[in-house]
Amino acid sequence: MLESHESAAVGSLSVGMLLRELRQQARLSQLELALQAGMSQRHLSCVETGRAHPSAGLLHSVLGTLDTPLQTRNRVFLAAGYAPRYAALALNDPGLEPVRTALMHLLKANNPAPAIVIDSHWQVLAANRATTALFQLLGLPLDAIEQGFNLLATLLAPGGFGDCLINAEEIRQVAWQRAAREAAVDPGLATWLASLPFPGESVATPDLATPLLLTRVRSPLGELRFLSTFTTFGMPQDITVASLRIEHLIPADESTWQALTEACEGLAASEPG
C-alpha cells in the first residue's frame, strides 16, 4: 500500500516528471538512459515531456535500469495510471517462507560471529547466538534480543551498545550519516531518527592504517575488534524483502575470534536440553 505522502506526491507530479527526476538523480542523460533501457532517446523524451504515454513494459525497463526502489516504482506506476506492481508482505507471511529460511541459515552460519537482521527502520528482527553471547559478555539486557530492539537506538541512546564502543564517536557518526541518507526518502525513518540523540560533529581523525573502519568494543576480556559487512537479497520483487539486510560483525583478530567462540560455547552449554 502506498503511504499518504507518496499519494500526495503522485497527485502533484506526472509520470514524465517523476521519470525525469529519477534519471537526473542517477546522473544520466536521456541518451545514456535510453541506450541502457533499450529504447530511443526520442521516445524517452516524449514520455518525459508528456507527449507520449509510457507502457507498463517501458516503465518496468526504465525503472529497472535506474535500479529504482520498489516503493518508488509503485509510485511511478500509479502516476501512469497503472496499479502498483510490488507487494509488501509481512515477514511471517507464508509466501516469504524461503526468505525466512535463508535468513535463519545465514544467521546460524555466521556463528560464532554476531549477525542481525535489520529492516528499513533499523529494527532488529532476528539475531544469532553469537549476538546473544556478545550482549551477555557486555552486560547488556538479553531480553532486548528476544523482544527485538532498534540498532540506531542502541548505538545512539545512552545505556546501549554504543556506550560499550571505544570508538563510539566514529561509529555513531557513520550510523547517523547512513540513516540520514535513507531518511531522505523515508518519512517514517526521518521521524524516528529525529527522536534520537544527535551524535554531534566528529572531531576524531580516521585511522587510515586499516583498510576498514573497525568497531572496537570494550569488554571484560579486553578490546574486541570487528569489521562490518552487509548482506541483502539480490533481485527482490517484494518491498519487505528489499528492505531487509543482515549485518555481520566479523572478528578482526584472533583474540576476538577466540573470545566469541568461547562465549558462544558457554552460552550453548548453559541452554537446557
C-alpha atoms as a PDB file:
ATOM      1  CA  MET A   1       0.000   0.000   0.000  1.00  0.00           C
ATOM      2  CA  LEU A   2       1.284   3.468  -0.862  1.00  0.00           C
ATOM      3  CA  GLU A   3       1.663   5.850   2.047  1.00  0.00           C
ATOM      4  CA  SER A   4      -0.198   9.152   2.167  1.00  0.00           C
ATOM      5  CA  HIS A   5       2.858  11.289   1.426  1.00  0.00           C
ATOM      6  CA  GLU A   6       3.506   9.222  -1.698  1.00  0.00           C
ATOM      7  CA  SER A   7      -0.097   9.565  -2.850  1.00  0.00           C
ATOM      8  CA  ALA A   8       0.111  13.319  -2.439  1.00  0.00           C
ATOM      9  CA  ALA A   9       3.312  13.406  -4.458  1.00  0.00           C
ATOM     10  CA  VAL A  10       1.689  11.364  -7.220  1.00  0.00           C
ATOM     11  CA  GLY A  11      -1.068  13.934  -7.473  1.00  0.00           C
ATOM     12  CA  SER A  12       1.414  16.757  -7.983  1.00  0.00           C
ATOM     13  CA  LEU A  13       3.877  15.111 -10.394  1.00  0.00           C
ATOM     14  CA  SER A  14       3.200  13.499 -13.754  1.00  0.00           C
ATOM     15  CA  VAL A  15       4.810  10.200 -14.661  1.00  0.00           C
ATOM     16  CA  GLY A  16       7.099  12.042 -17.085  1.00  0.00           C
ATOM     17  CA  MET A  17       8.275  14.436 -14.383  1.00  0.00           C
ATOM     18  CA  LEU A  18       8.893  11.541 -11.999  1.00  0.00           C
ATOM     19  CA  LEU A  19      10.973   9.695 -14.586  1.00  0.00           C
ATOM     20  CA  ARG A  20      12.989  12.816 -15.361  1.00  0.00           C
ATOM     21  CA  GLU A  21      13.699  13.361 -11.652  1.00  0.00           C
ATOM     22  CA  LEU A  22      14.829   9.762 -11.232  1.00  0.00           C
ATOM     23  CA  ARG A  23      17.054   9.977 -14.318  1.00  0.00           C
ATOM     24  CA  GLN A  24      18.634  13.208 -13.107  1.00  0.00           C
ATOM     25  CA  GLN A  25      19.228  11.723  -9.652  1.00  0.00           C
ATOM     26  CA  ALA A  26      21.077   8.880 -11.386  1.00  0.00           C
ATOM     27  CA  ARG A  27      23.148  11.489 -13.271  1.00  0.00           C
ATOM     28  CA  LEU A  28      22.236  10.035 -16.661  1.00  0.00           C
ATOM     29  CA  SER A  29      21.445  11.901 -19.860  1.00  0.00           C
ATOM     30  CA  GLN A  30      18.388  10.948 -21.886  1.00  0.00           C
ATOM     31  CA  LEU A  31      20.666   9.294 -24.424  1.00  0.00           C
ATOM     32  CA  GLU A  32      22.529   7.265 -21.789  1.00  0.00           C
ATOM     33  CA  LEU A  33      19.327   6.045 -20.155  1.00  0.00           C
ATOM     34  CA  ALA A  34      17.683   5.266 -23.491  1.00  0.00           C
ATOM     35  CA  LEU A  35      20.653   3.172 -24.613  1.00  0.00           C
ATOM     36  CA  GLN A  36      20.770   1.251 -21.342  1.00  0.00           C
ATOM     37  CA  ALA A  37      16.997   0.676 -21.301  1.00  0.00           C
ATOM     38  CA  GLY A  38      16.867  -0.388 -24.964  1.00  0.00           C
ATOM     39  CA  MET A  39      14.694   2.397 -26.326  1.00  0.00           C
ATOM     40  CA  SER A  40      15.107   5.500 -28.467  1.00  0.00           C
ATOM     41  CA  GLN A  41      16.074   8.835 -26.959  1.00  0.00           C
ATOM     42  CA  ARG A  42      13.193  10.438 -28.879  1.00  0.00           C
ATOM     43  CA  HIS A  43      10.658   8.122 -27.239  1.00  0.00           C
ATOM     44  CA  LEU A  44      12.097   8.741 -23.779  1.00  0.00           C
ATOM     45  CA  SER A  45      11.991  12.496 -24.393  1.00  0.00           C
ATOM     46  CA  CYS A  46       8.345  12.271 -25.426  1.00  0.00           C
ATOM     47  CA  VAL A  47       7.496  10.330 -22.269  1.00  0.00           C
ATOM     48  CA  GLU A  48       9.304  12.793 -20.007  1.00  0.00           C
ATOM     49  CA  THR A  49       7.573  15.789 -21.595  1.00  0.00           C
ATOM     50  CA  GLY A  50       4.142  14.151 -21.604  1.00  0.00           C
ATOM     51  CA  ARG A  51       3.825  13.891 -25.381  1.00  0.00           C
ATOM     52  CA  ALA A  52       3.704  10.082 -25.140  1.00  0.00           C
ATOM     53  CA  HIS A  53       2.208   7.778 -22.513  1.00  0.00           C
ATOM     54  CA  PRO A  54       4.569   5.021 -21.311  1.00  0.00           C
ATOM     55  CA  SER A  55       3.539   1.396 -21.464  1.00  0.00           C
ATOM     56  CA  ALA A  56       3.882  -0.761 -18.365  1.00  0.00           C
ATOM     57  CA  GLY A  57       6.724  -2.613 -20.090  1.00  0.00           C
ATOM     58  CA  LEU A  58       8.605   0.601 -20.773  1.00  0.00           C
ATOM     59  CA  LEU A  59       8.261   1.684 -17.137  1.00  0.00           C
ATOM     60  CA  HIS A  60       9.491  -1.702 -15.957  1.00  0.00           C
ATOM     61  CA  SER A  61      12.551  -1.435 -18.220  1.00  0.00           C
ATOM     62  CA  VAL A  62      13.416   2.168 -17.307  1.00  0.00           C
ATOM     63  CA  LEU A  63      12.883   1.731 -13.567  1.00  0.00           C
ATOM     64  CA  GLY A  64      14.903  -1.482 -13.585  1.00  0.00           C
ATOM     65  CA  THR A  65      17.719   0.250 -15.436  1.00  0.00           C
ATOM     66  CA  LEU A  66      17.714   3.029 -12.838  1.00  0.00           C
ATOM     67  CA  ASP A  67      17.634   0.453 -10.000  1.00  0.00           C
ATOM     68  CA  THR A  68      14.732   2.403  -8.514  1.00  0.00           C
ATOM     69  CA  PRO A  69      13.490   1.282  -5.051  1.00  0.00           C
ATOM     70  CA  LEU A  70      10.332  -0.814  -5.283  1.00  0.00           C
ATOM     71  CA  GLN A  71       8.200   1.646  -3.305  1.00  0.00           C
ATOM     72  CA  THR A  72       9.164   4.389  -5.741  1.00  0.00           C
ATOM     73  CA  ARG A  73       8.386   2.110  -8.682  1.00  0.00           C
ATOM     74  CA  ASN A  74       4.868   1.666  -7.300  1.00  0.00           C
ATOM     75  CA  ARG A  75       4.559   5.438  -7.118  1.00  0.00           C
ATOM     76  CA  VAL A  76       5.573   5.802 -10.776  1.00  0.00           C
ATOM     77  CA  PHE A  77       3.190   3.075 -11.954  1.00  0.00           C
ATOM     78  CA  LEU A  78       0.367   4.762 -10.045  1.00  0.00           C
ATOM     79  CA  ALA A  79       1.192   8.127 -11.598  1.00  0.00           C
ATOM     80  CA  ALA A  80       0.977   6.489 -15.032  1.00  0.00           C
ATOM     81  CA  GLY A  81      -2.485   5.115 -14.266  1.00  0.00           C
ATOM     82  CA  TYR A  82      -1.407   1.535 -13.568  1.00  0.00           C
ATOM     83  CA  ALA A  83      -1.923  -0.493 -10.413  1.00  0.00           C
ATOM     84  CA  PRO A  84       1.100  -0.728  -8.090  1.00  0.00           C
ATOM     85  CA  ARG A  85       3.215  -3.715  -9.091  1.00  0.00           C
ATOM     86  CA  TYR A  86       5.021  -4.635  -5.873  1.00  0.00           C
ATOM     87  CA  ALA A  87       3.536  -6.008  -2.656  1.00  0.00           C
ATOM     88  CA  ALA A  88       4.861  -5.582   0.880  1.00  0.00           C
ATOM     89  CA  LEU A  89       4.164  -8.910   2.559  1.00  0.00           C
ATOM     90  CA  ALA A  90       4.601  -9.319   6.300  1.00  0.00           C
ATOM     91  CA  LEU A  91       7.777 -11.241   7.095  1.00  0.00           C
ATOM     92  CA  ASN A  92       5.674 -14.015   8.682  1.00  0.00           C
ATOM     93  CA  ASP A  93       3.567 -14.401   5.523  1.00  0.00           C
ATOM     94  CA  PRO A  94       3.647 -17.965   4.123  1.00  0.00           C
ATOM     95  CA  GLY A  95       4.837 -16.551   0.813  1.00  0.00           C
ATOM     96  CA  LEU A  96       8.090 -15.429   2.445  1.00  0.00           C
ATOM     97  CA  GLU A  97       8.962 -18.832   3.930  1.00  0.00           C
ATOM     98  CA  PRO A  98      12.001 -19.236   1.617  1.00  0.00           C
ATOM     99  CA  VAL A  99      13.213 -15.796   2.726  1.00  0.00           C
ATOM    100  CA  ARG A 100      12.880 -16.647   6.419  1.00  0.00           C
ATOM    101  CA  THR A 101      14.676 -19.951   5.876  1.00  0.00           C
ATOM    102  CA  ALA A 102      17.531 -18.178   4.099  1.00  0.00           C
ATOM    103  CA  LEU A 103      17.819 -15.585   6.872  1.00  0.00           C
ATOM    104  CA  MET A 104      17.983 -18.223   9.603  1.00  0.00           C
ATOM    105  CA  HIS A 105      20.581 -20.183   7.630  1.00  0.00           C
ATOM    106  CA  LEU A 106      22.793 -17.114   7.233  1.00  0.00           C
ATOM    107  CA  LEU A 107      22.488 -16.165  10.903  1.00  0.00           C
ATOM    108  CA  LYS A 108      23.374 -19.663  12.071  1.00  0.00           C
ATOM    109  CA  ALA A 109      26.239 -19.974   9.601  1.00  0.00           C
ATOM    110  CA  ASN A 110      27.776 -16.752  10.911  1.00  0.00           C
ATOM    111  CA  ASN A 111      28.291 -18.129  14.458  1.00  0.00           C
ATOM    112  CA  PRO A 112      30.495 -17.511  16.406  1.00  0.00           C
ATOM    113  CA  ALA A 113      30.482 -14.062  14.785  1.00  0.00           C
ATOM    114  CA  PRO A 114      27.482 -11.857  15.660  1.00  0.00           C
ATOM    115  CA  ALA A 115      24.878 -11.225  12.966  1.00  0.00           C
ATOM    116  CA  ILE A 116      21.486  -9.491  12.992  1.00  0.00           C
ATOM    117  CA  VAL A 117      18.610  -8.975  10.532  1.00  0.00           C
ATOM    118  CA  ILE A 118      17.570  -5.322  10.189  1.00  0.00           C
ATOM    119  CA  ASP A 119      14.588  -3.753   8.438  1.00  0.00           C
ATOM    120  CA  SER A 120      14.368  -0.343   6.745  1.00  0.00           C
ATOM    121  CA  HIS A 121      13.882   1.426  10.101  1.00  0.00           C
ATOM    122  CA  TRP A 122      16.908  -0.354  11.635  1.00  0.00           C
ATOM    123  CA  GLN A 123      14.673  -2.560  13.771  1.00  0.00           C
ATOM    124  CA  VAL A 124      16.419  -5.808  14.641  1.00  0.00           C
ATOM    125  CA  LEU A 125      14.113  -8.661  13.611  1.00  0.00           C
ATOM    126  CA  ALA A 126      16.368 -11.604  14.414  1.00  0.00           C
ATOM    127  CA  ALA A 127      19.822 -12.293  15.824  1.00  0.00           C
ATOM    128  CA  ASN A 128      22.098 -15.289  16.086  1.00  0.00           C
ATOM    129  CA  ARG A 129      23.538 -17.000  19.163  1.00  0.00           C
ATOM    130  CA  ALA A 130      26.790 -15.043  18.893  1.00  0.00           C
ATOM    131  CA  THR A 131      24.871 -11.770  19.269  1.00  0.00           C
ATOM    132  CA  THR A 132      23.295 -13.061  22.478  1.00  0.00           C
ATOM    133  CA  ALA A 133      26.716 -14.196  23.681  1.00  0.00           C
ATOM    134  CA  LEU A 134      28.195 -10.757  22.959  1.00  0.00           C
ATOM    135  CA  PHE A 135      25.353  -8.994  24.796  1.00  0.00           C
ATOM    136  CA  GLN A 136      25.823 -11.312  27.753  1.00  0.00           C
ATOM    137  CA  LEU A 137      29.554 -10.670  27.789  1.00  0.00           C
ATOM    138  CA  LEU A 138      28.980  -6.892  27.770  1.00  0.00           C
ATOM    139  CA  GLY A 139      26.237  -6.972  30.412  1.00  0.00           C
ATOM    140  CA  LEU A 140      23.554  -5.702  28.016  1.00  0.00           C
ATOM    141  CA  PRO A 141      19.929  -6.821  28.564  1.00  0.00           C
ATOM    142  CA  LEU A 142      19.292 -10.146  26.839  1.00  0.00           C
ATOM    143  CA  ASP A 143      15.525  -9.638  26.722  1.00  0.00           C
ATOM    144  CA  ALA A 144      16.142  -6.952  24.076  1.00  0.00           C
ATOM    145  CA  ILE A 145      17.214  -9.681  21.655  1.00  0.00           C
ATOM    146  CA  GLU A 146      14.102 -11.765  22.300  1.00  0.00           C
ATOM    147  CA  GLN A 147      11.733  -8.800  22.114  1.00  0.00           C
ATOM    148  CA  GLY A 148      13.511  -7.006  19.283  1.00  0.00           C
ATOM    149  CA  PHE A 149      15.465  -3.777  19.566  1.00  0.00           C
ATOM    150  CA  ASN A 150      16.432  -0.903  17.319  1.00  0.00           C
ATOM    151  CA  LEU A 151      20.046  -0.763  16.172  1.00  0.00           C
ATOM    152  CA  LEU A 152      20.042   3.035  15.848  1.00  0.00           C
ATOM    153  CA  ALA A 153      18.670   3.418  19.356  1.00  0.00           C
ATOM    154  CA  THR A 154      21.201   1.056  20.939  1.00  0.00           C
ATOM    155  CA  LEU A 155      24.024   2.876  19.134  1.00  0.00           C
ATOM    156  CA  LEU A 156      22.906   6.473  19.749  1.00  0.00           C
ATOM    157  CA  ALA A 157      20.924   6.468  23.008  1.00  0.00           C
ATOM    158  CA  PRO A 158      22.585   6.187  26.453  1.00  0.00           C
ATOM    159  CA  GLY A 159      22.747   2.746  28.044  1.00  0.00           C
ATOM    160  CA  GLY A 160      23.016   0.783  24.816  1.00  0.00           C
ATOM    161  CA  PHE A 161      25.677  -0.908  22.735  1.00  0.00           C
ATOM    162  CA  GLY A 162      27.116   2.486  21.762  1.00  0.00           C
ATOM    163  CA  ASP A 163      28.322   3.011  25.338  1.00  0.00           C
ATOM    164  CA  CYS A 164      30.488  -0.115  25.001  1.00  0.00           C
ATOM    165  CA  LEU A 165      32.375   1.227  21.982  1.00  0.00           C
ATOM    166  CA  ILE A 166      35.899   2.541  22.293  1.00  0.00           C
ATOM    167  CA  ASN A 167      35.431   4.491  19.046  1.00  0.00           C
ATOM    168  CA  ALA A 168      31.797   5.391  19.723  1.00  0.00           C
ATOM    169  CA  GLU A 169      32.134   8.846  18.150  1.00  0.00           C
ATOM    170  CA  GLU A 170      33.176   7.434  14.774  1.00  0.00           C
ATOM    171  CA  ILE A 171      30.635   4.594  14.716  1.00  0.00           C
ATOM    172  CA  ARG A 172      27.771   6.849  15.784  1.00  0.00           C
ATOM    173  CA  GLN A 173      28.659   9.351  13.065  1.00  0.00           C
ATOM    174  CA  VAL A 174      28.704   6.653  10.388  1.00  0.00           C
ATOM    175  CA  ALA A 175      25.380   5.221  11.577  1.00  0.00           C
ATOM    176  CA  TRP A 176      23.762   8.670  11.698  1.00  0.00           C
ATOM    177  CA  GLN A 177      25.011   9.630   8.245  1.00  0.00           C
ATOM    178  CA  ARG A 178      23.751   6.416   6.665  1.00  0.00           C
ATOM    179  CA  ALA A 179      20.373   6.656   8.408  1.00  0.00           C
ATOM    180  CA  ALA A 180      20.043  10.307   7.379  1.00  0.00           C
ATOM    181  CA  ARG A 181      20.578   9.381   3.718  1.00  0.00           C
ATOM    182  CA  GLU A 182      17.926   6.679   3.983  1.00  0.00           C
ATOM    183  CA  ALA A 183      15.569   9.014   5.862  1.00  0.00           C
ATOM    184  CA  ALA A 184      15.634  11.455   2.946  1.00  0.00           C
ATOM    185  CA  VAL A 185      13.218   9.122   1.130  1.00  0.00           C
ATOM    186  CA  ASP A 186      11.572   7.524   4.181  1.00  0.00           C
ATOM    187  CA  PRO A 187       9.498   9.897   6.378  1.00  0.00           C
ATOM    188  CA  GLY A 188       8.943   7.179   8.984  1.00  0.00           C
ATOM    189  CA  LEU A 189      12.671   6.722   9.463  1.00  0.00           C
ATOM    190  CA  ALA A 190      13.143  10.504   9.470  1.00  0.00           C
ATOM    191  CA  THR A 191      10.687  10.818  12.374  1.00  0.00           C
ATOM    192  CA  TRP A 192      12.407   8.037  14.292  1.00  0.00           C
ATOM    193  CA  LEU A 193      15.863   9.494  13.685  1.00  0.00           C
ATOM    194  CA  ALA A 194      14.723  12.914  14.923  1.00  0.00           C
ATOM    195  CA  SER A 195      13.768  11.331  18.258  1.00  0.00           C
ATOM    196  CA  LEU A 196      17.290  10.029  18.863  1.00  0.00           C
ATOM    197  CA  PRO A 197      20.299  11.944  20.243  1.00  0.00           C
ATOM    198  CA  PHE A 198      22.358  13.631  17.533  1.00  0.00           C
ATOM    199  CA  PRO A 199      25.949  12.377  17.899  1.00  0.00           C
ATOM    200  CA  GLY A 200      27.432  15.798  17.199  1.00  0.00           C
ATOM    201  CA  GLU A 201      30.130  16.711  14.748  1.00  0.00           C
ATOM    202  CA  SER A 202      33.017  14.272  14.722  1.00  0.00           C
ATOM    203  CA  VAL A 203      36.451  15.643  15.591  1.00  0.00           C
ATOM    204  CA  ALA A 204      38.164  12.256  15.530  1.00  0.00           C
ATOM    205  CA  THR A 205      40.813  11.641  12.903  1.00  0.00           C
ATOM    206  CA  PRO A 206      40.108   8.405  10.975  1.00  0.00           C
ATOM    207  CA  ASP A 207      42.699   5.679  11.371  1.00  0.00           C
ATOM    208  CA  LEU A 208      43.770   5.184   7.761  1.00  0.00           C
ATOM    209  CA  ALA A 209      46.249   2.476   8.725  1.00  0.00           C
ATOM    210  CA  THR A 210      43.418  -0.071   8.497  1.00  0.00           C
ATOM    211  CA  PRO A 211      41.523  -0.768   5.257  1.00  0.00           C
ATOM    212  CA  LEU A 212      38.154  -0.624   7.064  1.00  0.00           C
ATOM    213  CA  LEU A 213      36.691   1.319   9.964  1.00  0.00           C
ATOM    214  CA  LEU A 214      36.632  -1.225  12.784  1.00  0.00           C
ATOM    215  CA  THR A 215      34.005  -1.482  15.504  1.00  0.00           C
ATOM    216  CA  ARG A 216      36.099  -1.506  18.679  1.00  0.00           C
ATOM    217  CA  VAL A 217      34.281  -2.886  21.721  1.00  0.00           C
ATOM    218  CA  ARG A 218      35.298  -2.519  25.361  1.00  0.00           C
ATOM    219  CA  SER A 219      34.689  -5.832  27.157  1.00  0.00           C
ATOM    220  CA  PRO A 220      35.724  -7.603  30.391  1.00  0.00           C
ATOM    221  CA  LEU A 221      38.085  -9.662  28.229  1.00  0.00           C
ATOM    222  CA  GLY A 222      39.756  -6.603  26.761  1.00  0.00           C
ATOM    223  CA  GLU A 223      39.227  -4.905  23.428  1.00  0.00           C
ATOM    224  CA  LEU A 224      37.197  -6.779  20.819  1.00  0.00           C
ATOM    225  CA  ARG A 225      37.639  -5.671  17.217  1.00  0.00           C
ATOM    226  CA  PHE A 226      35.135  -6.274  14.423  1.00  0.00           C
ATOM    227  CA  LEU A 227      34.763  -5.387  10.784  1.00  0.00           C
ATOM    228  CA  SER A 228      31.248  -4.976   9.428  1.00  0.00           C
ATOM    229  CA  THR A 229      29.677  -6.411   6.268  1.00  0.00           C
ATOM    230  CA  PHE A 230      26.113  -6.362   4.956  1.00  0.00           C
ATOM    231  CA  THR A 231      24.132  -8.995   3.056  1.00  0.00           C
ATOM    232  CA  THR A 232      20.994  -8.153   1.054  1.00  0.00           C
ATOM    233  CA  PHE A 233      18.764 -10.175  -1.248  1.00  0.00           C
ATOM    234  CA  GLY A 234      19.504  -9.931  -4.938  1.00  0.00           C
ATOM    235  CA  MET A 235      16.656  -9.107  -7.346  1.00  0.00           C
ATOM    236  CA  PRO A 236      13.867  -8.655  -4.743  1.00  0.00           C
ATOM    237  CA  GLN A 237      10.284  -8.385  -6.003  1.00  0.00           C
ATOM    238  CA  ASP A 238       8.678  -7.577  -2.651  1.00  0.00           C
ATOM    239  CA  ILE A 239       9.139  -4.330  -0.700  1.00  0.00           C
ATOM    240  CA  THR A 240       9.648  -6.122   2.617  1.00  0.00           C
ATOM    241  CA  VAL A 241      12.333  -8.378   1.157  1.00  0.00           C
ATOM    242  CA  ALA A 242      14.061  -5.400  -0.460  1.00  0.00           C
ATOM    243  CA  SER A 243      14.212  -3.615   2.909  1.00  0.00           C
ATOM    244  CA  LEU A 244      15.978  -6.430   4.763  1.00  0.00           C
ATOM    245  CA  ARG A 245      19.694  -6.614   5.361  1.00  0.00           C
ATOM    246  CA  ILE A 246      21.934  -8.705   7.559  1.00  0.00           C
ATOM    247  CA  GLU A 247      24.787  -7.008   9.367  1.00  0.00           C
ATOM    248  CA  HIS A 248      27.692  -9.321  10.123  1.00  0.00           C
ATOM    249  CA  LEU A 249      30.256  -8.343  12.754  1.00  0.00           C
ATOM    250  CA  ILE A 250      33.318 -10.341  11.732  1.00  0.00           C
ATOM    251  CA  PRO A 251      36.126 -10.599  14.303  1.00  0.00           C
ATOM    252  CA  ALA A 252      39.144  -8.694  13.021  1.00  0.00           C
ATOM    253  CA  ASP A 253      41.804 -10.560  15.011  1.00  0.00           C
ATOM    254  CA  GLU A 254      42.482 -13.928  16.570  1.00  0.00           C
ATOM    255  CA  SER A 255      41.823 -12.823  20.162  1.00  0.00           C
ATOM    256  CA  THR A 256      38.340 -11.605  19.199  1.00  0.00           C
ATOM    257  CA  TRP A 257      37.599 -14.874  17.393  1.00  0.00           C
ATOM    258  CA  GLN A 258      38.665 -16.795  20.478  1.00  0.00           C
ATOM    259  CA  ALA A 259      36.610 -14.632  22.855  1.00  0.00           C
ATOM    260  CA  LEU A 260      33.431 -15.013  20.764  1.00  0.00           C
ATOM    261  CA  THR A 261      33.988 -18.733  20.242  1.00  0.00           C
ATOM    262  CA  GLU A 262      34.313 -19.313  23.983  1.00  0.00           C
ATOM    263  CA  ALA A 263      31.327 -17.061  24.736  1.00  0.00           C
ATOM    264  CA  CYS A 264      29.158 -18.967  22.239  1.00  0.00           C
ATOM    265  CA  GLU A 265      30.239 -22.329  23.601  1.00  0.00           C
ATOM    266  CA  GLY A 266      29.491 -21.167  27.143  1.00  0.00           C
ATOM    267  CA  LEU A 267      26.046 -19.952  26.127  1.00  0.00           C
ATOM    268  CA  ALA A 268      25.274 -23.212  24.330  1.00  0.00           C
ATOM    269  CA  ALA A 269      26.343 -25.245  27.367  1.00  0.00           C
ATOM    270  CA  SER A 270      24.006 -23.249  29.623  1.00  0.00           C
ATOM    271  CA  GLU A 271      20.959 -23.795  27.414  1.00  0.00           C
ATOM    272  CA  PRO A 272      18.527 -26.539  28.534  1.00  0.00           C
ATOM    273  CA  GLY A 273      18.475 -29.793  26.608  1.00  0.00           C
END
